[in-house]
C-alpha atoms as a PDB file:
ATOM      1  CA  UNK A   1     103.727  79.548  74.756  1.00  0.00           C
ATOM      2  CA  UNK A   2     101.282  78.467  72.165  1.00  0.00           C
ATOM      3  CA  UNK A   3      97.890  77.261  73.075  1.00  0.00           C
ATOM      4  CA  UNK A   4      98.705  73.357  72.087  1.00  0.00           C
ATOM      5  CA  UNK A   5     101.992  73.433  73.683  1.00  0.00           C
ATOM      6  CA  UNK A   6     100.470  74.711  76.795  1.00  0.00           C
ATOM      7  CA  UNK A   7      97.842  72.120  76.738  1.00  0.00           C
ATOM      8  CA  UNK A   8     100.398  69.273  76.280  1.00  0.00           C
ATOM      9  CA  UNK A   9     102.477  70.586  79.303  1.00  0.00           C
ATOM     10  CA  UNK A  10      99.276  70.737  81.344  1.00  0.00           C
ATOM     11  CA  UNK A  11      98.435  66.898  80.315  1.00  0.00           C
ATOM     12  CA  UNK A  12     101.787  65.922  80.762  1.00  0.00           C
ATOM     13  CA  UNK A  13     102.018  67.327  84.376  1.00  0.00           C
ATOM     14  CA  UNK A  14      98.424  66.032  85.202  1.00  0.00           C
ATOM     15  CA  UNK A  15      99.586  62.534  84.068  1.00  0.00           C
ATOM     16  CA  UNK A  16     102.609  62.755  86.481  1.00  0.00           C
ATOM     17  CA  UNK A  17     100.139  62.987  89.283  1.00  0.00           C
ATOM     18  CA  UNK A  18      97.809  60.399  88.005  1.00  0.00           C
ATOM     19  CA  UNK A  19      99.025  57.562  90.474  1.00  0.00           C
ATOM     20  CA  UNK A  20      96.200  55.224  89.417  1.00  0.00           C
ATOM     21  CA  UNK A  21      96.630  55.770  85.629  1.00  0.00           C
ATOM     22  CA  UNK A  22      92.929  56.267  84.913  1.00  0.00           C
ATOM     23  CA  UNK A  23      93.314  59.989  83.813  1.00  0.00           C
ATOM     24  CA  UNK A  24      92.423  61.141  87.197  1.00  0.00           C
ATOM     25  CA  UNK A  25      94.098  62.787  90.260  1.00  0.00           C
ATOM     26  CA  UNK A  26      93.264  63.319  93.870  1.00  0.00           C
ATOM     27  CA  UNK A  27      91.379  66.332  94.760  1.00  0.00           C
ATOM     28  CA  UNK A  28      94.067  66.966  97.286  1.00  0.00           C
ATOM     29  CA  UNK A  29      96.781  67.234  94.565  1.00  0.00           C
ATOM     30  CA  UNK A  30      95.007  69.925  92.485  1.00  0.00           C
ATOM     31  CA  UNK A  31      96.552  72.822  94.677  1.00  0.00           C
ATOM     32  CA  UNK A  32     100.061  71.347  94.141  1.00  0.00           C
ATOM     33  CA  UNK A  33      99.546  70.809  90.659  1.00  0.00           C
ATOM     34  CA  UNK A  34      98.260  74.300  90.057  1.00  0.00           C
ATOM     35  CA  UNK A  35     101.481  75.494  91.726  1.00  0.00           C
ATOM     36  CA  UNK A  36     103.596  73.175  89.599  1.00  0.00           C
ATOM     37  CA  UNK A  37     102.030  74.517  86.555  1.00  0.00           C
ATOM     38  CA  UNK A  38     103.709  77.861  87.678  1.00  0.00           C
ATOM     39  CA  UNK A  39     100.628  79.778  89.210  1.00  0.00           C
ATOM     40  CA  UNK A  40     101.593  81.381  92.448  1.00  0.00           C
ATOM     41  CA  UNK A  41      97.941  81.078  93.691  1.00  0.00           C
ATOM     42  CA  UNK A  42      96.208  81.797  97.025  1.00  0.00           C
ATOM     43  CA  UNK A  43      94.607  79.130  99.113  1.00  0.00           C
ATOM     44  CA  UNK A  44      91.428  81.544  99.026  1.00  0.00           C
ATOM     45  CA  UNK A  45      91.325  81.061  95.426  1.00  0.00           C
ATOM     46  CA  UNK A  46      91.668  77.083  95.401  1.00  0.00           C
ATOM     47  CA  UNK A  47      89.307  76.369  98.308  1.00  0.00           C
ATOM     48  CA  UNK A  48      85.985  77.087  96.358  1.00  0.00           C
ATOM     49  CA  UNK A  49      87.160  74.776  93.783  1.00  0.00           C
ATOM     50  CA  UNK A  50      87.978  71.849  95.938  1.00  0.00           C
ATOM     51  CA  UNK A  51      84.914  72.469  97.656  1.00  0.00           C
ATOM     52  CA  UNK A  52      82.896  71.844  94.614  1.00  0.00           C
ATOM     53  CA  UNK A  53      84.433  68.712  94.091  1.00  0.00           C
ATOM     54  CA  UNK A  54      84.316  67.695  97.745  1.00  0.00           C
ATOM     55  CA  UNK A  55      80.711  68.538  98.122  1.00  0.00           C
ATOM     56  CA  UNK A  56      79.926  66.022  95.463  1.00  0.00           C
ATOM     57  CA  UNK A  57      82.061  63.249  97.397  1.00  0.00           C
ATOM     58  CA  UNK A  58      84.630  63.075  94.386  1.00  0.00           C
ATOM     59  CA  UNK A  59      87.888  61.991  95.631  1.00  0.00           C
ATOM     60  CA  UNK A  60      89.324  62.250  92.302  1.00  0.00           C
ATOM     61  CA  UNK A  61      89.345  64.809  89.350  1.00  0.00           C
ATOM     62  CA  UNK A  62      89.521  64.195  85.434  1.00  0.00           C
ATOM     63  CA  UNK A  63      91.453  65.946  83.327  1.00  0.00           C
ATOM     64  CA  UNK A  64      88.443  67.158  81.532  1.00  0.00           C
ATOM     65  CA  UNK A  65      87.199  68.593  84.759  1.00  0.00           C
ATOM     66  CA  UNK A  66      90.429  70.127  85.706  1.00  0.00           C
ATOM     67  CA  UNK A  67      91.511  71.802  82.715  1.00  0.00           C
ATOM     68  CA  UNK A  68      88.669  74.406  82.505  1.00  0.00           C
ATOM     69  CA  UNK A  69      89.682  75.373  86.124  1.00  0.00           C
ATOM     70  CA  UNK A  70      93.115  75.612  85.457  1.00  0.00           C
ATOM     71  CA  UNK A  71      92.848  77.994  82.369  1.00  0.00           C
ATOM     72  CA  UNK A  72      90.151  79.908  84.739  1.00  0.00           C
ATOM     73  CA  UNK A  73      92.893  80.325  87.237  1.00  0.00           C
ATOM     74  CA  UNK A  74      95.511  81.167  84.769  1.00  0.00           C
ATOM     75  CA  UNK A  75      93.328  83.687  83.411  1.00  0.00           C
ATOM     76  CA  UNK A  76      92.789  85.489  86.578  1.00  0.00           C
ATOM     77  CA  UNK A  77      96.492  85.170  87.556  1.00  0.00           C
ATOM     78  CA  UNK A  78      97.660  86.811  83.887  1.00  0.00           C
ATOM     79  CA  UNK A  79      95.442  89.820  84.746  1.00  0.00           C
ATOM     80  CA  UNK A  80      96.637  90.124  88.108  1.00  0.00           C
ATOM     81  CA  UNK A  81     100.361  89.854  86.936  1.00  0.00           C
ATOM     82  CA  UNK A  82      99.837  92.283  84.134  1.00  0.00           C
ATOM     83  CA  UNK A  83      98.427  94.983  86.945  1.00  0.00           C
ATOM     84  CA  UNK A  84     100.514  97.401  88.310  1.00  0.00           C
ATOM     85  CA  UNK A  85     101.143  97.180  91.997  1.00  0.00           C
ATOM     86  CA  UNK A  86     100.262  99.701  94.735  1.00  0.00           C
ATOM     87  CA  UNK A  87     103.985 100.565  95.048  1.00  0.00           C
ATOM     88  CA  UNK A  88     104.544 101.155  91.323  1.00  0.00           C
ATOM     89  CA  UNK A  89     101.682 103.632  91.198  1.00  0.00           C
ATOM     90  CA  UNK A  90     102.802 105.697  94.258  1.00  0.00           C
ATOM     91  CA  UNK A  91     106.110 105.577  92.786  1.00  0.00           C
ATOM     92  CA  UNK A  92     104.991 107.056  89.481  1.00  0.00           C
ATOM     93  CA  UNK A  93     102.882 109.790  91.377  1.00  0.00           C
ATOM     94  CA  UNK A  94     105.822 110.536  93.349  1.00  0.00           C
ATOM     95  CA  UNK A  95     107.672 111.897  90.448  1.00  0.00           C
ATOM     96  CA  UNK A  96     105.269 114.898  90.690  1.00  0.00           C
ATOM     97  CA  UNK A  97     105.957 115.384  94.488  1.00  0.00           C
ATOM     98  CA  UNK A  98     108.296 117.915  93.940  1.00  0.00           C
ATOM     99  CA  UNK A  99     108.825 118.897  97.866  1.00  0.00           C
ATOM    100  CA  UNK A 100     109.304 115.234  98.708  1.00  0.00           C
ATOM    101  CA  UNK A 101     106.461 115.343 101.331  1.00  0.00           C
ATOM    102  CA  UNK A 102     104.278 112.648  99.522  1.00  0.00           C
ATOM    103  CA  UNK A 103     101.744 115.165  98.160  1.00  0.00           C
ATOM    104  CA  UNK A 104     100.382 116.018  94.673  1.00  0.00           C
ATOM    105  CA  UNK A 105      98.392 118.994  93.759  1.00  0.00           C
ATOM    106  CA  UNK A 106      95.026 118.291  92.562  1.00  0.00           C
ATOM    107  CA  UNK A 107      95.864 120.021  89.252  1.00  0.00           C
ATOM    108  CA  UNK A 108      99.072 117.810  88.705  1.00  0.00           C
ATOM    109  CA  UNK A 109      97.044 114.492  89.452  1.00  0.00           C
ATOM    110  CA  UNK A 110      94.263 115.661  87.263  1.00  0.00           C
ATOM    111  CA  UNK A 111      96.635 116.292  84.248  1.00  0.00           C
ATOM    112  CA  UNK A 112      98.066 113.049  84.913  1.00  0.00           C
ATOM    113  CA  UNK A 113      94.805 110.990  85.180  1.00  0.00           C
ATOM    114  CA  UNK A 114      93.685 112.671  82.084  1.00  0.00           C
ATOM    115  CA  UNK A 115      96.764 112.341  79.890  1.00  0.00           C
ATOM    116  CA  UNK A 116      97.502 109.861  77.051  1.00  0.00           C
ATOM    117  CA  UNK A 117      94.967 108.341  74.380  1.00  0.00           C
ATOM    118  CA  UNK A 118      93.355 106.488  77.526  1.00  0.00           C
ATOM    119  CA  UNK A 119      92.973 109.057  80.010  1.00  0.00           C
ATOM    120  CA  UNK A 120      90.287 109.796  82.014  1.00  0.00           C
ATOM    121  CA  UNK A 121      87.610 112.368  81.285  1.00  0.00           C
ATOM    122  CA  UNK A 122      87.221 115.367  83.388  1.00  0.00           C
ATOM    123  CA  UNK A 123      83.915 113.886  84.787  1.00  0.00           C
ATOM    124  CA  UNK A 124      85.475 110.671  85.747  1.00  0.00           C
ATOM    125  CA  UNK A 125      88.379 112.281  87.425  1.00  0.00           C
ATOM    126  CA  UNK A 126      85.990 114.455  89.674  1.00  0.00           C
ATOM    127  CA  UNK A 127      84.099 111.210  90.338  1.00  0.00           C
ATOM    128  CA  UNK A 128      87.218 109.710  91.301  1.00  0.00           C
ATOM    129  CA  UNK A 129      88.353 112.496  93.667  1.00  0.00           C
ATOM    130  CA  UNK A 130      84.551 112.347  95.290  1.00  0.00           C
ATOM    131  CA  UNK A 131      84.641 108.713  95.827  1.00  0.00           C
ATOM    132  CA  UNK A 132      88.283 108.608  97.462  1.00  0.00           C
ATOM    133  CA  UNK A 133      87.680 112.020  99.429  1.00  0.00           C
ATOM    134  CA  UNK A 134      90.547 113.450  97.631  1.00  0.00           C
ATOM    135  CA  UNK A 135      89.131 116.839  97.513  1.00  0.00           C
ATOM    136  CA  UNK A 136      91.377 119.963  97.995  1.00  0.00           C
ATOM    137  CA  UNK A 137      94.375 121.137  96.515  1.00  0.00           C
ATOM    138  CA  UNK A 138      96.872 118.822  98.190  1.00  0.00           C
ATOM    139  CA  UNK A 139      96.469 114.994  98.031  1.00  0.00           C
ATOM    140  CA  UNK A 140      98.263 112.519  99.736  1.00  0.00           C
ATOM    141  CA  UNK A 141      99.780 110.286  97.387  1.00  0.00           C
ATOM    142  CA  UNK A 142      99.771 107.008  99.329  1.00  0.00           C
ATOM    143  CA  UNK A 143      96.453 107.383 100.792  1.00  0.00           C
ATOM    144  CA  UNK A 144      94.772 108.183  97.235  1.00  0.00           C
ATOM    145  CA  UNK A 145      96.510 105.143  95.743  1.00  0.00           C
ATOM    146  CA  UNK A 146      95.474 102.882  98.416  1.00  0.00           C
ATOM    147  CA  UNK A 147      92.208 104.230  98.304  1.00  0.00           C
ATOM    148  CA  UNK A 148      91.727 103.521  94.572  1.00  0.00           C
ATOM    149  CA  UNK A 149      93.349 100.176  94.784  1.00  0.00           C
ATOM    150  CA  UNK A 150      91.401  98.901  97.656  1.00  0.00           C
ATOM    151  CA  UNK A 151      88.046  99.855  95.488  1.00  0.00           C
ATOM    152  CA  UNK A 152      89.338  98.289  92.492  1.00  0.00           C
ATOM    153  CA  UNK A 153      89.959  94.869  94.741  1.00  0.00           C
ATOM    154  CA  UNK A 154      86.344  95.102  96.026  1.00  0.00           C
ATOM    155  CA  UNK A 155      84.847  95.699  92.368  1.00  0.00           C
ATOM    156  CA  UNK A 156      86.782  92.849  90.784  1.00  0.00           C
ATOM    157  CA  UNK A 157      86.005  90.495  93.647  1.00  0.00           C
ATOM    158  CA  UNK A 158      82.315  91.204  93.695  1.00  0.00           C
ATOM    159  CA  UNK A 159      82.059  88.921  90.740  1.00  0.00           C
ATOM    160  CA  UNK A 160      79.772  91.800  88.798  1.00  0.00           C
ATOM    161  CA  UNK A 161      79.703  91.253  84.953  1.00  0.00           C
ATOM    162  CA  UNK A 162      78.723  94.107  82.476  1.00  0.00           C
ATOM    163  CA  UNK A 163      78.290  91.461  79.529  1.00  0.00           C
END
């Protein structure tokens, strides 16, 4: 969907929630509108936004105030939607589990992680093994993937920016 088409769609749906016809909607309607716009968003992601408005004793939100919030949430949602799940990573690495025991050798895992044009360097692979305690010849696939994914979630939620 093109940017202008999306903007028109957001405005059209926003207007449908505007019961006072003054280009505002009730703060309590924001989570509903966000979901109607197609974002399967968690309450924990919405609460801080509502708190910003309710702390200012605002009962209604303008379209101009809503739009940047929606775009920020959409960007976050789109990023998450494009990330493979823990189960998908486990499934991929399980292809290297020739015995069917949920284990991959460190050599196979290193080869997998270093493969391709965006593969990790040997140093990055070693750091990853150390940070996840995946040392030794045999590595439990599920434990390794869950450890990496958990570390990634903590990093993403820390609001660290390198810009």
